[in-house]
Amino acid sequence: MDFITSQFLGFAKQHPWMLTTNVMLSMTFPIDDVLVPYLGGRIVTLVQERKPWVKHLICLIAILIIMQIFYTLTYFHDAILFPKIQNYIREGMLKDIIDHFQQSESDIQTGEVMSRLVKIPMTTVEFFEQTKNYLGTYVLSFLVTAIYIFSQNWMVGTMLCTAGLVVILLIAKSPQNCRAVSMKQERTLEDLDEDTEDILRNLPTVYTTDQVTRELAQVAEKGKEYEFMYLKTTQCTVKRKISTVIVLSLMLILFGWYSYHSIKCKTMSIGFFVSVFMIIIQWYNGLGWLSSHIK
């Protein structure tokens, strides 16, 4: 992990503007999460009060178009940045491996090394992408929407922020609780890959000693063990997701009940209800997705 961190920091020093631009593009995503629901609720209020609302609609459409441009630019920039990060880490790993085995008399395990040369750069980039495009933007959106909702209705703000913080804590604990079983799954897959590579590397010996059936049976046994560990890892993740869904669903029910009585008593405008409801739906989908992918 220290090696990967040092490699990533080394890349950041070499390409600071490219990395900064990529992160800044992603930080515009919360505009879509906050401003669009606000304008949608504002339009509903203006229509209900029979006031001019066309300017707000034009503004909403313009923001939606601009955000699509930002999304496109971000995806395009990701396509340039991500392969560069992968190549930088792969080259660093290869140099480290060459330096290590130059001083060692042990034989290199080609299959094991190749699996890491392929997997680690891709996993590192995926971690960076998920943190930048999802985790970071969700946190920023949560803070901005919390400020907006509290400024309008402290009761709704307290209700939603409490539920949001509970969900975030559940998600944050998820990798720790599932770490052991997840690592067992990874080790089982590595063993399966090593056995497969061993058969392919020693095919002449396998044929001449008539060990094909035994070797294939051994691989099949390892395959079943991997299937079992994969299922255990998924079960751990699903348990956290169910907890998240329960908390978010209770939040929706409580908000719906409170909003119904508040609108009935005219202490909450329909426009505010619409804007907050749109925000909650985005939270619901976003946090639900995050609870499944945090591993």
C-alpha atoms as a PDB file:
ATOM      1  CA  MET A   1       0.000   0.000   0.000  1.00  0.00           C
ATOM      2  CA  ASP A   2       2.902   2.359   0.770  1.00  0.00           C
ATOM      3  CA  PHE A   3       4.349   1.628  -2.665  1.00  0.00           C
ATOM      4  CA  ILE A   4       1.068   2.441  -4.423  1.00  0.00           C
ATOM      5  CA  THR A   5       0.642   5.629  -2.394  1.00  0.00           C
ATOM      6  CA  SER A   6       4.164   6.762  -3.229  1.00  0.00           C
ATOM      7  CA  GLN A   7       3.590   5.976  -6.920  1.00  0.00           C
ATOM      8  CA  PHE A   8       0.347   7.945  -6.980  1.00  0.00           C
ATOM      9  CA  LEU A   9       1.980  10.912  -5.225  1.00  0.00           C
ATOM     10  CA  GLY A  10       4.850  10.716  -7.700  1.00  0.00           C
ATOM     11  CA  PHE A  11       2.384  10.901 -10.574  1.00  0.00           C
ATOM     12  CA  ALA A  12       0.657  13.871  -8.928  1.00  0.00           C
ATOM     13  CA  LYS A  13       3.990  15.713  -8.733  1.00  0.00           C
ATOM     14  CA  GLN A  14       4.675  15.061 -12.403  1.00  0.00           C
ATOM     15  CA  HIS A  15       1.174  15.992 -13.606  1.00  0.00           C
ATOM     16  CA  PRO A  16      -0.285  18.418 -11.018  1.00  0.00           C
ATOM     17  CA  TRP A  17      -2.420  20.451 -13.430  1.00  0.00           C
ATOM     18  CA  MET A  18      -3.883  17.411 -15.160  1.00  0.00           C
ATOM     19  CA  LEU A  19      -4.880  15.858 -11.831  1.00  0.00           C
ATOM     20  CA  THR A  20      -6.231  19.144 -10.432  1.00  0.00           C
ATOM     21  CA  THR A  21      -8.299  19.824 -13.567  1.00  0.00           C
ATOM     22  CA  ASN A  22      -9.775  16.333 -13.394  1.00  0.00           C
ATOM     23  CA  VAL A  23     -10.787  16.739  -9.741  1.00  0.00           C
ATOM     24  CA  MET A  24     -12.210  20.228 -10.325  1.00  0.00           C
ATOM     25  CA  LEU A  25     -14.408  18.972 -13.156  1.00  0.00           C
ATOM     26  CA  SER A  26     -15.884  16.357 -10.825  1.00  0.00           C
ATOM     27  CA  MET A  27     -16.528  18.936  -8.096  1.00  0.00           C
ATOM     28  CA  THR A  28     -19.073  20.616 -10.383  1.00  0.00           C
ATOM     29  CA  PHE A  29     -21.399  17.598 -10.110  1.00  0.00           C
ATOM     30  CA  PRO A  30     -23.041  18.797  -6.829  1.00  0.00           C
ATOM     31  CA  ILE A  31     -24.475  21.761  -8.795  1.00  0.00           C
ATOM     32  CA  ASP A  32     -26.736  19.257 -10.479  1.00  0.00           C
ATOM     33  CA  ASP A  33     -27.629  17.723  -7.108  1.00  0.00           C
ATOM     34  CA  VAL A  34     -28.526  21.006  -5.382  1.00  0.00           C
ATOM     35  CA  LEU A  35     -29.394  23.770  -7.826  1.00  0.00           C
ATOM     36  CA  VAL A  36     -31.612  21.687 -10.104  1.00  0.00           C
ATOM     37  CA  PRO A  37     -33.913  20.506  -7.258  1.00  0.00           C
ATOM     38  CA  TYR A  38     -34.041  24.053  -5.885  1.00  0.00           C
ATOM     39  CA  LEU A  39     -35.071  25.537  -9.246  1.00  0.00           C
ATOM     40  CA  GLY A  40     -37.590  22.749  -9.778  1.00  0.00           C
ATOM     41  CA  GLY A  41     -39.246  23.516  -6.436  1.00  0.00           C
ATOM     42  CA  ARG A  42     -39.070  27.263  -7.102  1.00  0.00           C
ATOM     43  CA  ILE A  43     -40.861  26.852 -10.426  1.00  0.00           C
ATOM     44  CA  VAL A  44     -43.635  24.872  -8.727  1.00  0.00           C
ATOM     45  CA  THR A  45     -44.071  27.651  -6.142  1.00  0.00           C
ATOM     46  CA  LEU A  46     -44.174  30.396  -8.809  1.00  0.00           C
ATOM     47  CA  VAL A  47     -46.701  28.472 -10.914  1.00  0.00           C
ATOM     48  CA  GLN A  48     -48.862  27.905  -7.848  1.00  0.00           C
ATOM     49  CA  GLU A  49     -48.708  31.605  -6.944  1.00  0.00           C
ATOM     50  CA  ARG A  50     -49.371  32.597 -10.589  1.00  0.00           C
ATOM     51  CA  LYS A  51     -46.109  34.544 -10.793  1.00  0.00           C
ATOM     52  CA  PRO A  52     -43.686  34.695 -13.767  1.00  0.00           C
ATOM     53  CA  TRP A  53     -41.681  31.476 -13.913  1.00  0.00           C
ATOM     54  CA  VAL A  54     -40.302  31.340 -17.482  1.00  0.00           C
ATOM     55  CA  LYS A  55     -36.913  32.841 -16.487  1.00  0.00           C
ATOM     56  CA  HIS A  56     -36.447  30.144 -13.864  1.00  0.00           C
ATOM     57  CA  LEU A  57     -37.324  27.455 -16.410  1.00  0.00           C
ATOM     58  CA  ILE A  58     -34.809  28.870 -18.905  1.00  0.00           C
ATOM     59  CA  CYS A  59     -32.191  28.968 -16.156  1.00  0.00           C
ATOM     60  CA  LEU A  60     -32.959  25.344 -15.235  1.00  0.00           C
ATOM     61  CA  ILE A  61     -32.653  24.189 -18.849  1.00  0.00           C
ATOM     62  CA  ALA A  62     -29.375  26.101 -19.256  1.00  0.00           C
ATOM     63  CA  ILE A  63     -27.916  24.477 -16.128  1.00  0.00           C
ATOM     64  CA  LEU A  64     -28.948  21.017 -17.328  1.00  0.00           C
ATOM     65  CA  ILE A  65     -27.212  21.626 -20.676  1.00  0.00           C
ATOM     66  CA  ILE A  66     -24.069  23.033 -19.025  1.00  0.00           C
ATOM     67  CA  MET A  67     -23.890  20.085 -16.635  1.00  0.00           C
ATOM     68  CA  GLN A  68     -24.073  17.635 -19.552  1.00  0.00           C
ATOM     69  CA  ILE A  69     -21.123  19.474 -21.106  1.00  0.00           C
ATOM     70  CA  PHE A  70     -19.207  19.166 -17.822  1.00  0.00           C
ATOM     71  CA  TYR A  71     -20.060  15.447 -17.613  1.00  0.00           C
ATOM     72  CA  THR A  72     -18.767  14.932 -21.157  1.00  0.00           C
ATOM     73  CA  LEU A  73     -15.558  16.877 -20.454  1.00  0.00           C
ATOM     74  CA  THR A  74     -15.001  14.845 -17.286  1.00  0.00           C
ATOM     75  CA  TYR A  75     -15.414  11.510 -19.058  1.00  0.00           C
ATOM     76  CA  PHE A  76     -13.094  12.675 -21.847  1.00  0.00           C
ATOM     77  CA  HIS A  77     -10.483  13.858 -19.344  1.00  0.00           C
ATOM     78  CA  ASP A  78     -10.808  10.573 -17.414  1.00  0.00           C
ATOM     79  CA  ALA A  79     -10.032   8.735 -20.661  1.00  0.00           C
ATOM     80  CA  ILE A  80      -6.765  10.686 -20.916  1.00  0.00           C
ATOM     81  CA  LEU A  81      -5.785  10.621 -17.234  1.00  0.00           C
ATOM     82  CA  PHE A  82      -6.585   7.057 -16.167  1.00  0.00           C
ATOM     83  CA  PRO A  83      -4.329   5.218 -18.679  1.00  0.00           C
ATOM     84  CA  LYS A  84      -1.483   7.592 -17.745  1.00  0.00           C
ATOM     85  CA  ILE A  85      -1.858   6.709 -14.056  1.00  0.00           C
ATOM     86  CA  GLN A  86      -2.022   2.983 -14.860  1.00  0.00           C
ATOM     87  CA  ASN A  87       1.111   3.148 -17.028  1.00  0.00           C
ATOM     88  CA  TYR A  88       3.009   5.174 -14.414  1.00  0.00           C
ATOM     89  CA  ILE A  89       2.211   2.665 -11.633  1.00  0.00           C
ATOM     90  CA  ARG A  90       2.880  -0.339 -13.897  1.00  0.00           C
ATOM     91  CA  GLU A  91       6.282   1.029 -14.935  1.00  0.00           C
ATOM     92  CA  GLY A  92       7.152   1.728 -11.285  1.00  0.00           C
ATOM     93  CA  MET A  93       6.138  -1.790 -10.280  1.00  0.00           C
ATOM     94  CA  LEU A  94       8.122  -3.346 -13.112  1.00  0.00           C
ATOM     95  CA  LYS A  95      11.234  -1.375 -12.172  1.00  0.00           C
ATOM     96  CA  ASP A  96      10.790  -2.394  -8.521  1.00  0.00           C
ATOM     97  CA  ILE A  97      10.444  -6.076  -9.506  1.00  0.00           C
ATOM     98  CA  ILE A  98      13.547  -5.940 -11.725  1.00  0.00           C
ATOM     99  CA  ASP A  99      15.574  -4.306  -8.937  1.00  0.00           C
ATOM    100  CA  HIS A 100      14.345  -6.893  -6.424  1.00  0.00           C
ATOM    101  CA  PHE A 101      15.126 -10.008  -8.456  1.00  0.00           C
ATOM    102  CA  GLN A 102      18.453  -8.596  -9.604  1.00  0.00           C
ATOM    103  CA  GLN A 103      19.593  -8.934  -5.995  1.00  0.00           C
ATOM    104  CA  SER A 104      17.817 -12.265  -5.395  1.00  0.00           C
ATOM    105  CA  GLU A 105      18.601 -15.837  -6.411  1.00  0.00           C
ATOM    106  CA  SER A 106      14.962 -16.997  -6.182  1.00  0.00           C
ATOM    107  CA  ASP A 107      12.955 -17.684  -9.319  1.00  0.00           C
ATOM    108  CA  ILE A 108      10.303 -15.193 -10.329  1.00  0.00           C
ATOM    109  CA  GLN A 109       6.693 -16.428 -10.230  1.00  0.00           C
ATOM    110  CA  THR A 110       5.635 -15.061 -13.587  1.00  0.00           C
ATOM    111  CA  GLY A 111       1.907 -15.733 -13.222  1.00  0.00           C
ATOM    112  CA  GLU A 112       1.666 -14.130  -9.783  1.00  0.00           C
ATOM    113  CA  VAL A 113       3.693 -11.100 -10.881  1.00  0.00           C
ATOM    114  CA  MET A 114       1.644 -10.650 -14.058  1.00  0.00           C
ATOM    115  CA  SER A 115      -1.643 -10.799 -12.147  1.00  0.00           C
ATOM    116  CA  ARG A 116      -0.437  -7.976  -9.919  1.00  0.00           C
ATOM    117  CA  LEU A 117       0.956  -5.940 -12.817  1.00  0.00           C
ATOM    118  CA  VAL A 118      -2.488  -6.108 -14.419  1.00  0.00           C
ATOM    119  CA  LYS A 119      -4.664  -5.821 -11.327  1.00  0.00           C
ATOM    120  CA  ILE A 120      -2.980  -3.220  -9.102  1.00  0.00           C
ATOM    121  CA  PRO A 121      -2.834  -0.310 -11.611  1.00  0.00           C
ATOM    122  CA  MET A 122      -6.470  -0.907 -12.606  1.00  0.00           C
ATOM    123  CA  THR A 123      -7.605  -1.183  -8.973  1.00  0.00           C
ATOM    124  CA  THR A 124      -5.742   1.995  -8.038  1.00  0.00           C
ATOM    125  CA  VAL A 125      -7.348   3.962 -10.864  1.00  0.00           C
ATOM    126  CA  GLU A 126     -10.774   2.563 -10.009  1.00  0.00           C
ATOM    127  CA  PHE A 127     -10.306   3.612  -6.370  1.00  0.00           C
ATOM    128  CA  PHE A 128      -9.298   7.108  -7.481  1.00  0.00           C
ATOM    129  CA  GLU A 129     -12.261   7.332  -9.868  1.00  0.00           C
ATOM    130  CA  GLN A 130     -14.830   6.197  -7.287  1.00  0.00           C
ATOM    131  CA  THR A 131     -13.406   8.517  -4.619  1.00  0.00           C
ATOM    132  CA  LYS A 132     -13.284  11.505  -6.950  1.00  0.00           C
ATOM    133  CA  ASN A 133     -16.496  11.064  -8.931  1.00  0.00           C
ATOM    134  CA  TYR A 134     -18.728   9.633  -6.214  1.00  0.00           C
ATOM    135  CA  LEU A 135     -17.508   9.722  -2.623  1.00  0.00           C
ATOM    136  CA  GLY A 136     -16.106  13.265  -2.831  1.00  0.00           C
ATOM    137  CA  THR A 137     -19.085  14.647  -4.717  1.00  0.00           C
ATOM    138  CA  TYR A 138     -21.587  12.972  -2.372  1.00  0.00           C
ATOM    139  CA  VAL A 139     -19.907  14.504   0.666  1.00  0.00           C
ATOM    140  CA  LEU A 140     -19.865  17.957  -0.969  1.00  0.00           C
ATOM    141  CA  SER A 141     -23.483  17.613  -2.086  1.00  0.00           C
ATOM    142  CA  PHE A 142     -24.485  16.504   1.409  1.00  0.00           C
ATOM    143  CA  LEU A 143     -22.865  19.585   2.986  1.00  0.00           C
ATOM    144  CA  VAL A 144     -24.348  22.054   0.480  1.00  0.00           C
ATOM    145  CA  THR A 145     -27.850  20.577   0.636  1.00  0.00           C
ATOM    146  CA  ALA A 146     -27.690  20.441   4.436  1.00  0.00           C
ATOM    147  CA  ILE A 147     -26.960  24.182   4.548  1.00  0.00           C
ATOM    148  CA  TYR A 148     -29.815  24.899   2.140  1.00  0.00           C
ATOM    149  CA  ILE A 149     -32.366  22.731   3.962  1.00  0.00           C
ATOM    150  CA  PHE A 150     -31.408  24.040   7.423  1.00  0.00           C
ATOM    151  CA  SER A 151     -31.785  27.611   6.170  1.00  0.00           C
ATOM    152  CA  GLN A 152     -35.355  26.823   5.090  1.00  0.00           C
ATOM    153  CA  ASN A 153     -36.599  24.399   7.740  1.00  0.00           C
ATOM    154  CA  TRP A 154     -34.480  23.303  10.700  1.00  0.00           C
ATOM    155  CA  MET A 155     -36.776  20.361  11.517  1.00  0.00           C
ATOM    156  CA  VAL A 156     -36.427  18.858   8.054  1.00  0.00           C
ATOM    157  CA  GLY A 157     -32.705  19.630   8.105  1.00  0.00           C
ATOM    158  CA  THR A 158     -32.213  17.830  11.428  1.00  0.00           C
ATOM    159  CA  MET A 159     -34.270  14.869  10.245  1.00  0.00           C
ATOM    160  CA  LEU A 160     -32.445  14.418   6.949  1.00  0.00           C
ATOM    161  CA  CYS A 161     -28.939  15.130   8.221  1.00  0.00           C
ATOM    162  CA  THR A 162     -29.320  12.683  11.117  1.00  0.00           C
ATOM    163  CA  ALA A 163     -30.421   9.938   8.739  1.00  0.00           C
ATOM    164  CA  GLY A 164     -27.668  10.867   6.278  1.00  0.00           C
ATOM    165  CA  LEU A 165     -24.955  10.740   8.943  1.00  0.00           C
ATOM    166  CA  VAL A 166     -26.200   7.341  10.185  1.00  0.00           C
ATOM    167  CA  VAL A 167     -26.022   5.972   6.644  1.00  0.00           C
ATOM    168  CA  ILE A 168     -22.538   7.428   6.095  1.00  0.00           C
ATOM    169  CA  LEU A 169     -21.336   5.794   9.345  1.00  0.00           C
ATOM    170  CA  LEU A 170     -22.801   2.452   8.245  1.00  0.00           C
ATOM    171  CA  ILE A 171     -21.064   2.762   4.877  1.00  0.00           C
ATOM    172  CA  ALA A 172     -17.767   3.802   6.490  1.00  0.00           C
ATOM    173  CA  LYS A 173     -17.797   0.721   8.754  1.00  0.00           C
ATOM    174  CA  SER A 174     -18.670  -1.642   5.922  1.00  0.00           C
ATOM    175  CA  PRO A 175     -15.134  -2.217   4.533  1.00  0.00           C
ATOM    176  CA  GLN A 176     -13.760  -2.881   8.037  1.00  0.00           C
ATOM    177  CA  ASN A 177     -16.417  -5.477   8.822  1.00  0.00           C
ATOM    178  CA  CYS A 178     -16.082  -7.186   5.429  1.00  0.00           C
ATOM    179  CA  ARG A 179     -12.288  -6.894   5.190  1.00  0.00           C
ATOM    180  CA  ALA A 180     -11.397 -10.384   6.466  1.00  0.00           C
ATOM    181  CA  VAL A 181     -13.807 -12.299   4.251  1.00  0.00           C
ATOM    182  CA  SER A 182     -12.934 -10.097   1.273  1.00  0.00           C
ATOM    183  CA  MET A 183      -9.221 -10.813   1.681  1.00  0.00           C
ATOM    184  CA  LYS A 184      -9.964 -14.564   1.879  1.00  0.00           C
ATOM    185  CA  GLN A 185     -11.854 -14.246  -1.406  1.00  0.00           C
ATOM    186  CA  GLU A 186      -8.868 -12.526  -3.023  1.00  0.00           C
ATOM    187  CA  ARG A 187      -6.446 -15.157  -1.733  1.00  0.00           C
ATOM    188  CA  THR A 188      -8.694 -17.966  -2.995  1.00  0.00           C
ATOM    189  CA  LEU A 189      -8.777 -16.373  -6.445  1.00  0.00           C
ATOM    190  CA  GLU A 190      -4.977 -16.034  -6.418  1.00  0.00           C
ATOM    191  CA  ASP A 191      -4.624 -19.731  -5.520  1.00  0.00           C
ATOM    192  CA  LEU A 192      -6.998 -20.631  -8.351  1.00  0.00           C
ATOM    193  CA  ASP A 193      -4.995 -18.533 -10.825  1.00  0.00           C
ATOM    194  CA  GLU A 194      -1.710 -20.061  -9.645  1.00  0.00           C
ATOM    195  CA  ASP A 195      -3.044 -23.623 -10.052  1.00  0.00           C
ATOM    196  CA  THR A 196      -4.314 -22.788 -13.544  1.00  0.00           C
ATOM    197  CA  GLU A 197      -0.971 -21.245 -14.484  1.00  0.00           C
ATOM    198  CA  ASP A 198       0.874 -24.268 -13.068  1.00  0.00           C
ATOM    199  CA  ILE A 199      -1.119 -26.640 -15.279  1.00  0.00           C
ATOM    200  CA  LEU A 200      -0.483 -24.547 -18.399  1.00  0.00           C
ATOM    201  CA  ARG A 201       3.224 -24.165 -17.624  1.00  0.00           C
ATOM    202  CA  ASN A 202       3.684 -27.903 -17.055  1.00  0.00           C
ATOM    203  CA  LEU A 203       1.400 -29.287 -19.760  1.00  0.00           C
ATOM    204  CA  PRO A 204       3.950 -31.828 -21.127  1.00  0.00           C
ATOM    205  CA  THR A 205       4.488 -33.274 -17.648  1.00  0.00           C
ATOM    206  CA  VAL A 206       0.741 -33.378 -16.962  1.00  0.00           C
ATOM    207  CA  TYR A 207       0.162 -35.317 -20.209  1.00  0.00           C
ATOM    208  CA  THR A 208       3.008 -37.788 -19.795  1.00  0.00           C
ATOM    209  CA  THR A 209       2.143 -38.630 -16.170  1.00  0.00           C
ATOM    210  CA  ASP A 210      -1.577 -38.907 -16.979  1.00  0.00           C
ATOM    211  CA  GLN A 211      -2.489 -36.329 -14.318  1.00  0.00           C
ATOM    212  CA  VAL A 212      -5.053 -34.380 -16.385  1.00  0.00           C
ATOM    213  CA  THR A 213      -8.092 -35.626 -14.476  1.00  0.00           C
ATOM    214  CA  ARG A 214      -6.488 -35.016 -11.068  1.00  0.00           C
ATOM    215  CA  GLU A 215      -5.278 -31.524 -11.981  1.00  0.00           C
ATOM    216  CA  LEU A 216      -8.656 -30.513 -13.402  1.00  0.00           C
ATOM    217  CA  ALA A 217     -10.407 -31.877 -10.303  1.00  0.00           C
ATOM    218  CA  GLN A 218      -8.087 -29.814  -8.111  1.00  0.00           C
ATOM    219  CA  VAL A 219      -8.868 -26.671 -10.106  1.00  0.00           C
ATOM    220  CA  ALA A 220     -12.592 -27.430  -9.888  1.00  0.00           C
ATOM    221  CA  GLU A 221     -12.296 -27.787  -6.100  1.00  0.00           C
ATOM    222  CA  LYS A 222     -10.511 -24.448  -5.833  1.00  0.00           C
ATOM    223  CA  GLY A 223     -13.176 -22.958  -8.105  1.00  0.00           C
ATOM    224  CA  LYS A 224     -15.944 -24.083  -5.752  1.00  0.00           C
ATOM    225  CA  GLU A 225     -14.051 -22.621  -2.799  1.00  0.00           C
ATOM    226  CA  TYR A 226     -13.787 -19.309  -4.660  1.00  0.00           C
ATOM    227  CA  GLU A 227     -17.534 -19.376  -5.429  1.00  0.00           C
ATOM    228  CA  PHE A 228     -18.248 -19.898  -1.727  1.00  0.00           C
ATOM    229  CA  MET A 229     -15.958 -17.049  -0.606  1.00  0.00           C
ATOM    230  CA  TYR A 230     -17.395 -14.737  -3.276  1.00  0.00           C
ATOM    231  CA  LEU A 231     -20.876 -15.457  -1.951  1.00  0.00           C
ATOM    232  CA  LYS A 232     -19.744 -14.786   1.649  1.00  0.00           C
ATOM    233  CA  THR A 233     -18.257 -11.433   0.593  1.00  0.00           C
ATOM    234  CA  THR A 234     -21.448 -10.497  -1.231  1.00  0.00           C
ATOM    235  CA  GLN A 235     -23.566 -11.471   1.783  1.00  0.00           C
ATOM    236  CA  CYS A 236     -21.503  -9.154   3.996  1.00  0.00           C
ATOM    237  CA  THR A 237     -21.930  -6.289   1.523  1.00  0.00           C
ATOM    238  CA  VAL A 238     -25.657  -6.949   1.122  1.00  0.00           C
ATOM    239  CA  LYS A 239     -26.185  -6.848   4.900  1.00  0.00           C
ATOM    240  CA  ARG A 240     -24.728  -3.319   4.968  1.00  0.00           C
ATOM    241  CA  LYS A 241     -26.799  -2.321   1.967  1.00  0.00           C
ATOM    242  CA  ILE A 242     -29.996  -3.576   3.630  1.00  0.00           C
ATOM    243  CA  SER A 243     -29.185  -1.519   6.741  1.00  0.00           C
ATOM    244  CA  THR A 244     -28.636   1.518   4.528  1.00  0.00           C
ATOM    245  CA  VAL A 245     -31.897   0.983   2.650  1.00  0.00           C
ATOM    246  CA  ILE A 246     -33.842   0.614   5.930  1.00  0.00           C
ATOM    247  CA  VAL A 247     -32.490   3.908   7.308  1.00  0.00           C
ATOM    248  CA  LEU A 248     -33.099   5.755   4.028  1.00  0.00           C
ATOM    249  CA  SER A 249     -36.608   4.295   3.716  1.00  0.00           C
ATOM    250  CA  LEU A 250     -37.481   5.392   7.265  1.00  0.00           C
ATOM    251  CA  MET A 251     -36.178   8.847   6.356  1.00  0.00           C
ATOM    252  CA  LEU A 252     -38.465   8.957   3.311  1.00  0.00           C
ATOM    253  CA  ILE A 253     -41.488   7.831   5.331  1.00  0.00           C
ATOM    254  CA  LEU A 254     -40.823  10.307   8.140  1.00  0.00           C
ATOM    255  CA  PHE A 255     -40.249  13.152   5.701  1.00  0.00           C
ATOM    256  CA  GLY A 256     -43.427  12.283   3.792  1.00  0.00           C
ATOM    257  CA  TRP A 257     -45.490  12.203   6.992  1.00  0.00           C
ATOM    258  CA  TYR A 258     -44.038  15.497   8.271  1.00  0.00           C
ATOM    259  CA  SER A 259     -44.424  17.206   4.882  1.00  0.00           C
ATOM    260  CA  TYR A 260     -48.040  16.092   4.502  1.00  0.00           C
ATOM    261  CA  HIS A 261     -49.055  17.666   7.813  1.00  0.00           C
ATOM    262  CA  SER A 262     -46.869  20.756   7.251  1.00  0.00           C
ATOM    263  CA  ILE A 263     -48.382  21.435   3.810  1.00  0.00           C
ATOM    264  CA  LYS A 264     -51.852  20.821   5.241  1.00  0.00           C
ATOM    265  CA  CYS A 265     -51.159  23.381   7.998  1.00  0.00           C
ATOM    266  CA  LYS A 266     -49.528  25.713   5.420  1.00  0.00           C
ATOM    267  CA  THR A 267     -46.214  25.800   7.278  1.00  0.00           C
ATOM    268  CA  MET A 268     -44.372  24.302   4.292  1.00  0.00           C
ATOM    269  CA  SER A 269     -44.609  25.383   0.669  1.00  0.00           C
ATOM    270  CA  ILE A 270     -45.183  22.839  -2.068  1.00  0.00           C
ATOM    271  CA  GLY A 271     -42.110  24.173  -3.874  1.00  0.00           C
ATOM    272  CA  PHE A 272     -39.862  23.471  -0.875  1.00  0.00           C
ATOM    273  CA  PHE A 273     -41.346  19.991  -0.557  1.00  0.00           C
ATOM    274  CA  VAL A 274     -40.646  19.259  -4.240  1.00  0.00           C
ATOM    275  CA  SER A 275     -37.047  20.516  -4.066  1.00  0.00           C
ATOM    276  CA  VAL A 276     -36.243  18.560  -0.880  1.00  0.00           C
ATOM    277  CA  PHE A 277     -37.974  15.449  -2.185  1.00  0.00           C
ATOM    278  CA  MET A 278     -35.822  15.577  -5.346  1.00  0.00           C
ATOM    279  CA  ILE A 279     -32.717  15.934  -3.162  1.00  0.00           C
ATOM    280  CA  ILE A 280     -33.765  12.967  -1.016  1.00  0.00           C
ATOM    281  CA  ILE A 281     -34.249  10.793  -4.110  1.00  0.00           C
ATOM    282  CA  GLN A 282     -30.714  11.655  -5.220  1.00  0.00           C
ATOM    283  CA  TRP A 283     -29.391  10.860  -1.739  1.00  0.00           C
ATOM    284  CA  TYR A 284     -31.332   7.604  -1.718  1.00  0.00           C
ATOM    285  CA  ASN A 285     -29.916   6.465  -5.065  1.00  0.00           C
ATOM    286  CA  GLY A 286     -26.412   7.786  -4.413  1.00  0.00           C
ATOM    287  CA  LEU A 287     -25.935   6.395  -0.917  1.00  0.00           C
ATOM    288  CA  GLY A 288     -27.568   3.123  -1.937  1.00  0.00           C
ATOM    289  CA  TRP A 289     -25.071   2.797  -4.778  1.00  0.00           C
ATOM    290  CA  LEU A 290     -22.169   3.742  -2.490  1.00  0.00           C
ATOM    291  CA  SER A 291     -23.092   1.095   0.088  1.00  0.00           C
ATOM    292  CA  SER A 292     -22.770  -1.571  -2.635  1.00  0.00           C
ATOM    293  CA  HIS A 293     -19.460  -0.344  -4.074  1.00  0.00           C
ATOM    294  CA  ILE A 294     -17.552   0.830  -1.000  1.00  0.00           C
ATOM    295  CA  LYS A 295     -15.601  -2.472  -0.818  1.00  0.00           C
END
